Structure formats: structure tokens, C-alpha cells
């Protein structure tokens, strides 16, 4: 029994020592992908709305599998979804930014032989102050329309038509009443 335990422990030691150099030889020694530059910069405040959000990594990005999403302060997506990958740089177009506040950029960067990098950062857009358009003052009536509301012609025709109808109804009732009382 002692010989079997010693034999098994020597065999495990031999397998471990043999497998260790091969595992080191075939393992990837690449560092994880990192972001080196963003436009707009991380946590920056900008006054001019950008046309693109650009992220630059320290490794070459794959042409597929990457993602950038830009979300407005009101939680609406403002990017156009069209990604452009150029070596270590990826960018996405942005629509017109109309709302001041904190924008969130969520990204997924995929490189060869490494796990994807997921993350987010934000930037603040301080747009120009909103210009309130003046409300038009109600127009004062002219001398010929004094006291009348605008658009009251249809009402005038309706009232005249009802008066004419009422006159004919009154005449018909008068003839009906006269013929009824004559018979008695």
C-alpha cells in the first residue's frame, strides 16, 4: 500500500511538472484592453455639441462586436448607431444635442485574444440657454370690426337662418290656429 501511495504521488508530481511549462508556453500574456483617449473627454464639460463620440484603446479593435451607446439626461438614446472602427479607434455619430445635462456613454470594446471591455463614462453638455419666442399679442379689432370676434361670420349666418325659419314657423302656426278656431 505504501508503494502505491508513493507511486501515485510521484506520478502526480511528474504530470504537474510536465504540464506546467506547456501551460505557460501556450497561455496568452497580453494585458487587458484599456482606454487611452475619449472624445469628449471623461467627466468633461463641453459647450459645443460634438458630432461624434470617439474612444481610443491601447490595442487594435476588431471590426465586429463593438458597441457605443450615448444616452441623454432624459434617458433617451441620442447616437445614430453607426459605428466606425479604425485600428485602435472606434466612433459613433451623435444627433443634435438639445438638452443640457449629463450624458452617459456606454461601450463594449472587443480585441483579438482578450475578453471584451465593458464600461461607461459621462460628460456634461452645457448648451446655450433656451430662447423663448415671444407670444403674439392678441390683435385689437379694427374700427369696422369693433366689438366683433374674428371668425363670427358663420355664427351670423346661422342666427339669420334661424330667424327666417322661426318667422316661417310662426306664420304656419298662425294659419293653423286660424283654421282651427274658424271651425268652431
N, C-alpha and C. Protein backbone atom coordinates (compact mmCIF):
# COMPACT_ATOMS: atom_id res chain seq x y z
N UNK A 1 0.82 -1.18 0.00
CA UNK A 1 0.00 0.00 0.00
C UNK A 1 0.86 1.25 0.00
N UNK A 2 2.01 1.20 0.77
CA UNK A 2 2.91 2.34 0.81
C UNK A 2 3.51 2.59 -0.57
N UNK A 3 3.82 1.51 -1.28
CA UNK A 3 4.39 1.65 -2.62
C UNK A 3 3.41 2.32 -3.58
N UNK A 4 2.11 2.00 -3.44
CA UNK A 4 1.11 2.58 -4.33
C UNK A 4 0.94 4.07 -4.05
N UNK A 5 0.94 4.48 -2.80
CA UNK A 5 0.80 5.90 -2.45
C UNK A 5 2.02 6.67 -2.95
N UNK A 6 3.17 6.14 -2.77
CA UNK A 6 4.38 6.78 -3.24
C UNK A 6 4.42 6.85 -4.75
N UNK A 7 3.97 5.79 -5.40
CA UNK A 7 3.93 5.75 -6.87
C UNK A 7 2.96 6.80 -7.41
N UNK A 8 1.78 6.92 -6.79
CA UNK A 8 0.76 7.88 -7.24
C UNK A 8 1.25 9.30 -7.02
N UNK A 9 1.86 9.60 -5.89
CA UNK A 9 2.34 10.95 -5.63
C UNK A 9 3.47 11.32 -6.59
N UNK A 10 4.35 10.38 -6.93
CA UNK A 10 5.42 10.65 -7.89
C UNK A 10 4.84 10.88 -9.29
N UNK A 11 3.80 10.12 -9.62
CA UNK A 11 3.16 10.28 -10.93
C UNK A 11 2.49 11.65 -11.04
N UNK A 12 1.79 12.08 -10.00
CA UNK A 12 1.16 13.40 -9.99
C UNK A 12 2.20 14.50 -10.07
N UNK A 13 3.30 14.37 -9.39
CA UNK A 13 4.37 15.35 -9.43
C UNK A 13 4.96 15.43 -10.84
N UNK A 14 5.15 14.28 -11.47
CA UNK A 14 5.69 14.25 -12.82
C UNK A 14 4.73 14.92 -13.83
N UNK A 15 3.43 14.63 -13.69
CA UNK A 15 2.43 15.24 -14.59
C UNK A 15 2.39 16.75 -14.39
N UNK A 16 2.42 17.20 -13.14
CA UNK A 16 2.38 18.62 -12.85
C UNK A 16 3.61 19.33 -13.40
N UNK A 17 4.76 18.76 -13.19
CA UNK A 17 5.99 19.39 -13.67
C UNK A 17 6.05 19.39 -15.20
N UNK A 18 5.48 18.39 -15.82
CA UNK A 18 5.47 18.33 -17.28
C UNK A 18 4.44 19.31 -17.86
N UNK A 19 3.29 19.43 -17.24
CA UNK A 19 2.21 20.28 -17.75
C UNK A 19 2.47 21.75 -17.50
N UNK A 20 3.20 22.10 -16.46
CA UNK A 20 3.43 23.50 -16.10
C UNK A 20 4.15 24.27 -17.21
N UNK A 21 5.26 23.76 -17.76
CA UNK A 21 5.90 24.53 -18.84
C UNK A 21 5.02 24.67 -20.08
N UNK A 22 4.25 23.63 -20.40
CA UNK A 22 3.37 23.73 -21.57
C UNK A 22 2.24 24.73 -21.35
N UNK A 23 1.70 24.78 -20.15
CA UNK A 23 0.63 25.74 -19.88
C UNK A 23 1.16 27.16 -19.93
N UNK A 24 2.39 27.38 -19.46
CA UNK A 24 2.98 28.72 -19.56
C UNK A 24 3.32 29.07 -21.01
N UNK A 25 3.73 28.09 -21.77
CA UNK A 25 4.09 28.31 -23.16
C UNK A 25 2.88 28.72 -24.00
N UNK A 26 1.73 28.09 -23.77
CA UNK A 26 0.55 28.34 -24.59
C UNK A 26 -0.39 29.40 -24.02
N UNK A 27 -0.11 29.92 -22.86
CA UNK A 27 -1.01 30.93 -22.28
C UNK A 27 -0.76 32.28 -22.94
N UNK A 28 -1.77 33.09 -23.00
CA UNK A 28 -1.67 34.43 -23.56
C UNK A 28 -1.09 35.35 -22.50
N UNK A 29 -0.14 36.14 -22.86
CA UNK A 29 0.46 37.07 -21.91
C UNK A 29 0.07 38.51 -22.24
N UNK A 30 -1.01 38.70 -22.97
CA UNK A 30 -1.45 40.05 -23.32
C UNK A 30 -2.14 40.68 -22.14
N UNK A 31 -1.97 41.97 -22.01
CA UNK A 31 -2.65 42.71 -20.94
C UNK A 31 -4.06 43.02 -21.38
N UNK A 32 -4.91 43.28 -20.42
CA UNK A 32 -6.30 43.62 -20.73
C UNK A 32 -6.35 44.93 -21.50
N UNK A 33 -7.36 45.05 -22.35
CA UNK A 33 -7.51 46.26 -23.15
C UNK A 33 -7.86 47.43 -22.22
N UNK A 34 -7.28 48.58 -22.51
CA UNK A 34 -7.53 49.79 -21.73
C UNK A 34 -7.84 50.94 -22.67
N UNK A 35 -8.58 51.91 -22.16
CA UNK A 35 -8.91 53.11 -22.93
C UNK A 35 -7.79 54.12 -22.73
N UNK A 36 -7.32 54.69 -23.84
CA UNK A 36 -6.27 55.69 -23.74
C UNK A 36 -6.78 57.11 -23.97
N UNK A 37 -7.89 57.26 -24.73
CA UNK A 37 -8.38 58.59 -25.06
C UNK A 37 -9.87 58.52 -25.37
N UNK A 38 -10.63 59.51 -24.94
CA UNK A 38 -12.05 59.63 -25.30
C UNK A 38 -12.32 61.05 -25.75
N UNK A 39 -13.23 61.17 -26.68
CA UNK A 39 -13.69 62.48 -27.13
C UNK A 39 -15.21 62.45 -27.19
N UNK A 40 -15.90 63.25 -26.43
CA UNK A 40 -15.50 64.18 -25.39
C UNK A 40 -14.78 63.44 -24.26
N UNK A 41 -13.93 64.16 -23.56
CA UNK A 41 -13.13 63.56 -22.50
C UNK A 41 -14.03 63.10 -21.34
N UNK A 42 -13.53 62.14 -20.60
CA UNK A 42 -14.27 61.59 -19.45
C UNK A 42 -14.48 62.71 -18.43
N UNK A 43 -15.72 62.85 -17.96
CA UNK A 43 -16.13 63.84 -16.95
C UNK A 43 -15.85 65.28 -17.36
N UNK A 44 -15.80 65.56 -18.65
CA UNK A 44 -15.56 66.93 -19.10
C UNK A 44 -16.88 67.67 -19.25
N UNK A 45 -16.80 68.99 -19.28
CA UNK A 45 -17.96 69.84 -19.55
C UNK A 45 -17.70 70.54 -20.87
N UNK A 46 -18.64 70.38 -21.80
CA UNK A 46 -18.48 70.98 -23.12
C UNK A 46 -19.64 71.92 -23.40
N UNK A 47 -19.37 72.94 -24.22
CA UNK A 47 -20.41 73.90 -24.58
C UNK A 47 -20.85 73.74 -26.03
N UNK A 48 -20.00 73.14 -26.85
CA UNK A 48 -20.32 72.92 -28.26
C UNK A 48 -20.66 71.45 -28.43
N UNK A 49 -21.83 71.14 -28.98
CA UNK A 49 -22.22 69.72 -29.11
C UNK A 49 -21.32 68.98 -30.09
N UNK A 50 -20.82 67.81 -29.73
CA UNK A 50 -19.96 67.05 -30.64
C UNK A 50 -20.79 66.34 -31.71
N UNK A 51 -20.16 66.03 -32.83
CA UNK A 51 -20.81 65.26 -33.88
C UNK A 51 -20.58 63.77 -33.70
N UNK A 52 -19.50 63.42 -32.97
CA UNK A 52 -19.13 62.03 -32.76
C UNK A 52 -18.67 61.84 -31.33
N UNK A 53 -18.81 60.62 -30.82
CA UNK A 53 -18.14 60.18 -29.61
C UNK A 53 -17.09 59.19 -30.06
N UNK A 54 -15.84 59.42 -29.65
CA UNK A 54 -14.72 58.60 -30.09
C UNK A 54 -14.00 58.02 -28.88
N UNK A 55 -13.68 56.73 -28.95
CA UNK A 55 -12.92 56.05 -27.91
C UNK A 55 -11.71 55.41 -28.57
N UNK A 56 -10.52 55.64 -27.98
CA UNK A 56 -9.29 55.04 -28.48
C UNK A 56 -8.78 54.07 -27.42
N UNK A 57 -8.45 52.86 -27.85
CA UNK A 57 -7.94 51.82 -26.96
C UNK A 57 -6.44 51.66 -27.17
N UNK A 58 -5.79 50.86 -26.31
CA UNK A 58 -4.36 50.62 -26.44
C UNK A 58 -4.04 49.42 -27.32
N UNK A 59 -5.10 48.74 -27.84
CA UNK A 59 -4.91 47.60 -28.73
C UNK A 59 -5.81 47.75 -29.95
N UNK A 60 -5.49 47.02 -31.00
CA UNK A 60 -6.31 47.03 -32.21
C UNK A 60 -7.68 46.45 -31.91
N UNK A 61 -8.74 47.12 -32.34
CA UNK A 61 -10.10 46.67 -32.13
C UNK A 61 -10.55 45.82 -33.30
N UNK A 62 -11.39 44.84 -33.03
CA UNK A 62 -11.96 44.03 -34.11
C UNK A 62 -13.03 44.85 -34.82
N UNK A 63 -13.30 44.48 -36.05
CA UNK A 63 -14.29 45.20 -36.86
C UNK A 63 -15.72 44.92 -36.43
N UNK A 64 -15.94 43.87 -35.65
CA UNK A 64 -17.29 43.49 -35.27
C UNK A 64 -17.36 43.28 -33.75
N UNK A 65 -18.56 43.38 -33.21
CA UNK A 65 -18.78 43.10 -31.79
C UNK A 65 -18.63 44.30 -30.89
N UNK A 66 -18.16 45.42 -31.39
CA UNK A 66 -18.01 46.62 -30.57
C UNK A 66 -19.34 47.35 -30.47
N UNK A 67 -19.47 48.16 -29.45
CA UNK A 67 -20.73 48.89 -29.26
C UNK A 67 -20.45 50.18 -28.50
N UNK A 68 -21.08 51.27 -28.92
CA UNK A 68 -21.08 52.54 -28.18
C UNK A 68 -22.51 53.05 -28.19
N UNK A 69 -23.01 53.42 -27.02
CA UNK A 69 -24.35 53.98 -26.89
C UNK A 69 -24.25 55.27 -26.09
N UNK A 70 -24.91 56.33 -26.57
CA UNK A 70 -24.91 57.62 -25.87
C UNK A 70 -26.34 57.90 -25.42
N UNK A 71 -26.50 58.16 -24.12
CA UNK A 71 -27.83 58.35 -23.52
C UNK A 71 -27.91 59.76 -22.94
N UNK A 72 -29.00 60.44 -23.24
CA UNK A 72 -29.20 61.83 -22.81
C UNK A 72 -29.65 61.89 -21.35
N UNK A 73 -29.69 63.10 -20.76
CA UNK A 73 -30.16 63.24 -19.38
C UNK A 73 -31.60 62.78 -19.18
N UNK A 74 -32.41 62.82 -20.23
CA UNK A 74 -33.79 62.35 -20.12
C UNK A 74 -33.92 60.88 -20.48
N UNK A 75 -32.79 60.16 -20.50
CA UNK A 75 -32.74 58.71 -20.70
C UNK A 75 -33.16 58.28 -22.12
N UNK A 76 -32.86 59.11 -23.09
CA UNK A 76 -33.13 58.78 -24.50
C UNK A 76 -31.81 58.55 -25.21
N UNK A 77 -31.80 57.62 -26.14
CA UNK A 77 -30.59 57.33 -26.92
C UNK A 77 -30.42 58.41 -27.99
N UNK A 78 -29.23 59.04 -28.05
CA UNK A 78 -29.01 60.14 -28.99
C UNK A 78 -27.98 59.81 -30.06
N UNK A 79 -27.35 58.63 -29.99
CA UNK A 79 -26.39 58.27 -31.04
C UNK A 79 -27.14 57.69 -32.23
N UNK A 80 -26.47 57.69 -33.40
CA UNK A 80 -27.13 57.16 -34.59
C UNK A 80 -26.90 55.67 -34.80
N UNK A 81 -26.07 55.04 -33.96
CA UNK A 81 -25.85 53.60 -34.03
C UNK A 81 -24.88 53.16 -35.11
N UNK A 82 -24.35 54.09 -35.90
CA UNK A 82 -23.41 53.74 -36.97
C UNK A 82 -21.99 53.83 -36.43
N UNK A 83 -21.39 52.68 -36.17
CA UNK A 83 -20.04 52.62 -35.62
C UNK A 83 -19.00 52.64 -36.74
N UNK A 84 -17.88 53.29 -36.45
CA UNK A 84 -16.74 53.30 -37.36
C UNK A 84 -15.54 52.84 -36.56
N UNK A 85 -14.92 51.73 -37.00
CA UNK A 85 -13.74 51.20 -36.34
C UNK A 85 -12.55 51.45 -37.26
N UNK A 86 -11.51 52.09 -36.71
CA UNK A 86 -10.31 52.38 -37.48
C UNK A 86 -9.10 52.07 -36.61
N UNK A 87 -8.63 50.83 -36.67
CA UNK A 87 -7.47 50.43 -35.87
C UNK A 87 -7.82 50.37 -34.39
N UNK A 88 -7.24 51.29 -33.63
CA UNK A 88 -7.47 51.34 -32.18
C UNK A 88 -8.60 52.28 -31.80
N UNK A 89 -9.22 52.93 -32.78
CA UNK A 89 -10.23 53.95 -32.53
C UNK A 89 -11.59 53.49 -33.02
N UNK A 90 -12.60 53.77 -32.20
CA UNK A 90 -13.99 53.50 -32.58
C UNK A 90 -14.79 54.77 -32.33
N UNK A 91 -15.72 55.07 -33.21
CA UNK A 91 -16.55 56.28 -33.03
C UNK A 91 -17.97 56.00 -33.47
N UNK A 92 -18.88 56.80 -32.93
CA UNK A 92 -20.30 56.72 -33.28
C UNK A 92 -20.81 58.15 -33.45
N UNK A 93 -21.68 58.33 -34.45
CA UNK A 93 -22.26 59.65 -34.68
C UNK A 93 -23.32 59.99 -33.65
N UNK A 94 -23.49 61.28 -33.42
CA UNK A 94 -24.48 61.77 -32.46
C UNK A 94 -25.41 62.73 -33.17
N UNK A 95 -26.69 62.63 -32.85
CA UNK A 95 -27.66 63.59 -33.37
C UNK A 95 -27.49 64.93 -32.66
N UNK A 96 -28.34 65.86 -32.97
CA UNK A 96 -28.25 67.19 -32.36
C UNK A 96 -28.59 67.10 -30.88
N UNK A 97 -27.70 67.60 -30.04
CA UNK A 97 -27.94 67.63 -28.59
C UNK A 97 -28.73 68.89 -28.27
N UNK A 98 -29.94 68.71 -27.78
CA UNK A 98 -30.80 69.85 -27.48
C UNK A 98 -31.00 70.04 -25.99
N UNK A 99 -30.50 69.12 -25.20
CA UNK A 99 -30.76 69.14 -23.77
C UNK A 99 -29.45 69.26 -23.00
N UNK A 100 -29.37 70.24 -22.12
CA UNK A 100 -28.19 70.38 -21.28
C UNK A 100 -28.25 69.37 -20.16
N UNK A 101 -27.08 68.88 -19.75
CA UNK A 101 -27.03 67.93 -18.64
C UNK A 101 -25.96 66.88 -18.86
N UNK A 102 -26.04 65.83 -18.06
CA UNK A 102 -25.04 64.76 -18.06
C UNK A 102 -25.42 63.67 -19.05
N UNK A 103 -24.53 63.40 -19.99
CA UNK A 103 -24.73 62.36 -20.99
C UNK A 103 -23.89 61.15 -20.60
N UNK A 104 -24.46 59.97 -20.76
CA UNK A 104 -23.79 58.73 -20.40
C UNK A 104 -23.37 58.00 -21.68
N UNK A 105 -22.10 57.60 -21.73
CA UNK A 105 -21.56 56.84 -22.86
C UNK A 105 -21.28 55.42 -22.36
N UNK A 106 -21.99 54.45 -22.91
CA UNK A 106 -21.75 53.05 -22.56
C UNK A 106 -21.04 52.39 -23.73
N UNK A 107 -20.03 51.56 -23.43
CA UNK A 107 -19.24 50.98 -24.52
C UNK A 107 -18.90 49.52 -24.22
N UNK A 108 -18.62 48.81 -25.31
CA UNK A 108 -18.09 47.45 -25.28
C UNK A 108 -17.04 47.39 -26.38
N UNK A 109 -15.80 47.14 -25.97
CA UNK A 109 -14.70 47.10 -26.92
C UNK A 109 -14.20 45.66 -27.02
N UNK A 110 -14.05 45.17 -28.24
CA UNK A 110 -13.63 43.79 -28.47
C UNK A 110 -12.29 43.80 -29.20
N UNK A 111 -11.29 43.11 -28.60
CA UNK A 111 -9.98 42.98 -29.21
C UNK A 111 -9.70 41.50 -29.45
N UNK A 112 -8.69 41.22 -30.24
CA UNK A 112 -8.33 39.85 -30.56
C UNK A 112 -7.67 39.18 -29.34
N UNK A 113 -8.07 37.95 -29.04
CA UNK A 113 -7.47 37.13 -27.98
C UNK A 113 -7.58 37.74 -26.59
N UNK A 114 -8.64 38.47 -26.30
CA UNK A 114 -8.83 39.02 -24.96
C UNK A 114 -10.32 39.17 -24.70
N UNK A 115 -10.65 39.27 -23.44
CA UNK A 115 -12.05 39.46 -23.07
C UNK A 115 -12.49 40.87 -23.45
N UNK A 116 -13.76 41.05 -23.82
CA UNK A 116 -14.23 42.39 -24.16
C UNK A 116 -14.19 43.32 -22.94
N UNK A 117 -14.02 44.59 -23.19
CA UNK A 117 -14.01 45.60 -22.14
C UNK A 117 -15.36 46.29 -22.13
N UNK A 118 -16.09 46.16 -21.03
CA UNK A 118 -17.37 46.83 -20.85
C UNK A 118 -17.16 48.00 -19.92
N UNK A 119 -17.86 49.09 -20.14
CA UNK A 119 -17.74 50.21 -19.22
C UNK A 119 -18.61 51.37 -19.65
N UNK A 120 -18.51 52.45 -18.91
CA UNK A 120 -19.23 53.67 -19.25
C UNK A 120 -18.49 54.86 -18.68
N UNK A 121 -18.77 55.99 -19.22
CA UNK A 121 -18.28 57.26 -18.68
C UNK A 121 -19.30 58.32 -19.03
N UNK A 122 -19.12 59.50 -18.48
CA UNK A 122 -20.09 60.56 -18.75
C UNK A 122 -19.37 61.87 -19.08
N UNK A 123 -20.10 62.74 -19.73
CA UNK A 123 -19.65 64.10 -19.97
C UNK A 123 -20.86 65.00 -19.81
N UNK A 124 -20.62 66.27 -19.55
CA UNK A 124 -21.70 67.23 -19.32
C UNK A 124 -21.75 68.19 -20.51
N UNK A 125 -22.95 68.36 -21.06
CA UNK A 125 -23.16 69.31 -22.15
C UNK A 125 -23.92 70.50 -21.60
N UNK A 126 -23.31 71.68 -21.70
CA UNK A 126 -23.95 72.93 -21.29
C UNK A 126 -24.31 73.69 -22.55
N UNK A 127 -25.52 73.46 -23.02
CA UNK A 127 -25.97 74.12 -24.24
C UNK A 127 -26.30 75.58 -23.97
N UNK A 128 -26.49 76.33 -25.03
CA UNK A 128 -26.87 77.74 -24.84
C UNK A 128 -28.24 77.80 -24.19
N UNK A 129 -28.50 78.87 -23.45
CA UNK A 129 -29.81 78.99 -22.81
C UNK A 129 -30.92 79.03 -23.85
N UNK A 130 -32.04 78.47 -23.49
CA UNK A 130 -33.17 78.42 -24.42
C UNK A 130 -33.70 79.83 -24.65
N UNK A 131 -33.98 80.12 -25.89
CA UNK A 131 -34.54 81.42 -26.24
C UNK A 131 -36.04 81.24 -26.36
N UNK A 132 -36.75 81.96 -25.50
CA UNK A 132 -38.22 81.89 -25.54
C UNK A 132 -38.72 82.81 -26.63
N UNK A 133 -39.51 82.25 -27.51
CA UNK A 133 -40.10 83.07 -28.56
C UNK A 133 -41.22 83.89 -27.94
N UNK A 134 -41.30 85.16 -28.30
CA UNK A 134 -42.36 85.98 -27.72
C UNK A 134 -43.73 85.51 -28.20
N UNK A 135 -44.66 85.54 -27.29
CA UNK A 135 -46.02 85.16 -27.66
C UNK A 135 -46.68 86.36 -28.32
N UNK A 136 -47.40 86.14 -29.41
CA UNK A 136 -48.03 87.28 -30.09
C UNK A 136 -49.15 87.85 -29.24
N UNK A 137 -49.23 89.19 -29.25
CA UNK A 137 -50.31 89.85 -28.54
C UNK A 137 -51.60 89.68 -29.33
N UNK A 138 -52.71 89.54 -28.62
CA UNK A 138 -53.97 89.43 -29.37
C UNK A 138 -54.19 90.72 -30.16
N UNK A 139 -54.61 90.55 -31.41
CA UNK A 139 -54.81 91.73 -32.25
C UNK A 139 -56.04 92.49 -31.80
N UNK A 140 -55.90 93.77 -31.82
CA UNK A 140 -57.03 94.62 -31.46
C UNK A 140 -57.95 94.73 -32.66
N UNK A 141 -59.27 94.79 -32.42
CA UNK A 141 -60.18 94.90 -33.55
C UNK A 141 -60.02 96.24 -34.25
N UNK A 142 -60.23 96.21 -35.58
CA UNK A 142 -60.16 97.45 -36.34
C UNK A 142 -61.45 98.23 -36.14
N UNK A 143 -61.51 99.38 -36.71
CA UNK A 143 -62.68 100.24 -36.49
C UNK A 143 -63.95 99.65 -37.07
N UNK A 144 -63.87 98.93 -38.20
CA UNK A 144 -65.08 98.35 -38.77
C UNK A 144 -65.51 97.09 -38.05
N UNK A 145 -64.62 96.42 -37.32
CA UNK A 145 -64.98 95.20 -36.63
C UNK A 145 -65.05 95.38 -35.12
N UNK A 146 -65.15 96.60 -34.67
CA UNK A 146 -65.12 96.84 -33.23
C UNK A 146 -66.26 96.10 -32.55
N UNK A 147 -65.94 95.37 -31.48
CA UNK A 147 -66.93 94.63 -30.72
C UNK A 147 -67.23 93.26 -31.28
N UNK A 148 -66.71 92.90 -32.41
CA UNK A 148 -66.98 91.60 -33.02
C UNK A 148 -65.77 90.70 -32.87
N UNK A 149 -66.05 89.42 -32.69
CA UNK A 149 -64.96 88.45 -32.65
C UNK A 149 -64.58 88.06 -34.05
N UNK A 150 -63.32 87.70 -34.21
CA UNK A 150 -62.84 87.26 -35.51
C UNK A 150 -63.43 85.89 -35.80
N UNK A 151 -63.90 85.70 -37.02
CA UNK A 151 -64.46 84.41 -37.41
C UNK A 151 -65.92 84.24 -37.02
N UNK A 152 -66.65 85.34 -36.79
CA UNK A 152 -68.05 85.22 -36.36
C UNK A 152 -69.03 85.28 -37.53
N UNK A 153 -68.56 85.27 -38.78
CA UNK A 153 -69.44 85.31 -39.95
C UNK A 153 -70.34 84.07 -40.00
N UNK A 154 -69.80 82.91 -39.71
CA UNK A 154 -70.61 81.69 -39.75
C UNK A 154 -71.70 81.75 -38.70
N UNK A 155 -71.37 82.28 -37.54
CA UNK A 155 -72.38 82.42 -36.49
C UNK A 155 -73.47 83.40 -36.93
N UNK A 156 -73.07 84.47 -37.58
CA UNK A 156 -74.06 85.45 -38.07
C UNK A 156 -75.03 84.79 -39.04
N UNK A 157 -74.52 84.00 -40.00
CA UNK A 157 -75.39 83.35 -40.98
C UNK A 157 -76.30 82.32 -40.31
N UNK A 158 -75.81 81.65 -39.31
CA UNK A 158 -76.64 80.67 -38.59
C UNK A 158 -77.79 81.37 -37.87
N UNK A 159 -77.52 82.47 -37.22
CA UNK A 159 -78.57 83.20 -36.49
C UNK A 159 -79.60 83.76 -37.47
N UNK A 160 -79.15 84.29 -38.59
CA UNK A 160 -80.09 84.84 -39.58
C UNK A 160 -80.98 83.71 -40.13
N UNK A 161 -80.35 82.56 -40.42
CA UNK A 161 -81.13 81.43 -40.92
C UNK A 161 -82.16 80.96 -39.89
N UNK A 162 -81.81 80.93 -38.62
CA UNK A 162 -82.78 80.54 -37.58
C UNK A 162 -83.91 81.55 -37.45
N UNK A 163 -83.61 82.82 -37.60
CA UNK A 163 -84.66 83.84 -37.54
C UNK A 163 -85.65 83.69 -38.70
N UNK A 164 -85.13 83.43 -39.90
CA UNK A 164 -86.01 83.24 -41.06
C UNK A 164 -86.86 81.99 -40.85
N UNK A 165 -86.26 80.89 -40.36
CA UNK A 165 -87.01 79.66 -40.11
C UNK A 165 -88.09 79.89 -39.05
N UNK A 166 -87.75 80.64 -38.01
CA UNK A 166 -88.72 80.93 -36.95
C UNK A 166 -89.88 81.78 -37.48
N UNK A 167 -89.60 82.72 -38.38
CA UNK A 167 -90.65 83.54 -38.96
C UNK A 167 -91.63 82.67 -39.74
N UNK A 168 -91.09 81.75 -40.59
CA UNK A 168 -91.99 80.88 -41.35
C UNK A 168 -92.76 79.93 -40.45
N UNK A 169 -92.14 79.46 -39.38
CA UNK A 169 -92.83 78.59 -38.43
C UNK A 169 -93.96 79.35 -37.74
N UNK A 170 -93.70 80.59 -37.38
CA UNK A 170 -94.73 81.42 -36.75
C UNK A 170 -95.89 81.67 -37.70
N UNK A 171 -95.60 81.90 -38.97
CA UNK A 171 -96.67 82.11 -39.95
C UNK A 171 -97.50 80.84 -40.12
N UNK A 172 -96.82 79.69 -40.16
CA UNK A 172 -97.54 78.42 -40.30
C UNK A 172 -98.42 78.16 -39.08
N UNK A 173 -97.92 78.42 -37.90
CA UNK A 173 -98.71 78.23 -36.67
C UNK A 173 -99.91 79.18 -36.64
N UNK A 174 -99.72 80.39 -37.12
CA UNK A 174 -100.83 81.36 -37.14
C UNK A 174 -101.93 80.88 -38.09
N UNK A 175 -101.60 80.38 -39.26
CA UNK A 175 -102.60 79.86 -40.20
C UNK A 175 -103.28 78.63 -39.64
N UNK A 176 -102.47 77.74 -38.94
CA UNK A 176 -103.04 76.55 -38.35
C UNK A 176 -104.05 76.92 -37.25
N UNK A 177 -103.68 77.88 -36.42
CA UNK A 177 -104.57 78.30 -35.35
C UNK A 177 -105.82 78.98 -35.91
N UNK A 178 -105.70 79.76 -36.94
CA UNK A 178 -106.85 80.41 -37.53
C UNK A 178 -107.81 79.39 -38.13
N UNK A 179 -107.28 78.40 -38.79
CA UNK A 179 -108.18 77.40 -39.37
C UNK A 179 -108.81 76.55 -38.28
N UNK A 180 -108.16 76.33 -37.19
CA UNK A 180 -108.71 75.54 -36.09
C UNK A 180 -109.84 76.31 -35.41
N UNK A 181 -109.65 77.59 -35.15
CA UNK A 181 -110.66 78.37 -34.44
C UNK A 181 -111.84 78.74 -35.33
N UNK A 182 -111.73 78.78 -36.65
CA UNK A 182 -112.83 79.06 -37.54
C UNK A 182 -113.83 77.93 -37.53
N UNK A 183 -113.42 76.74 -37.38
CA UNK A 183 -114.33 75.60 -37.43
C UNK A 183 -115.26 75.59 -36.26
N UNK A 184 -114.93 76.19 -35.21
CA UNK A 184 -115.81 76.13 -34.05
C UNK A 184 -116.92 77.04 -34.20
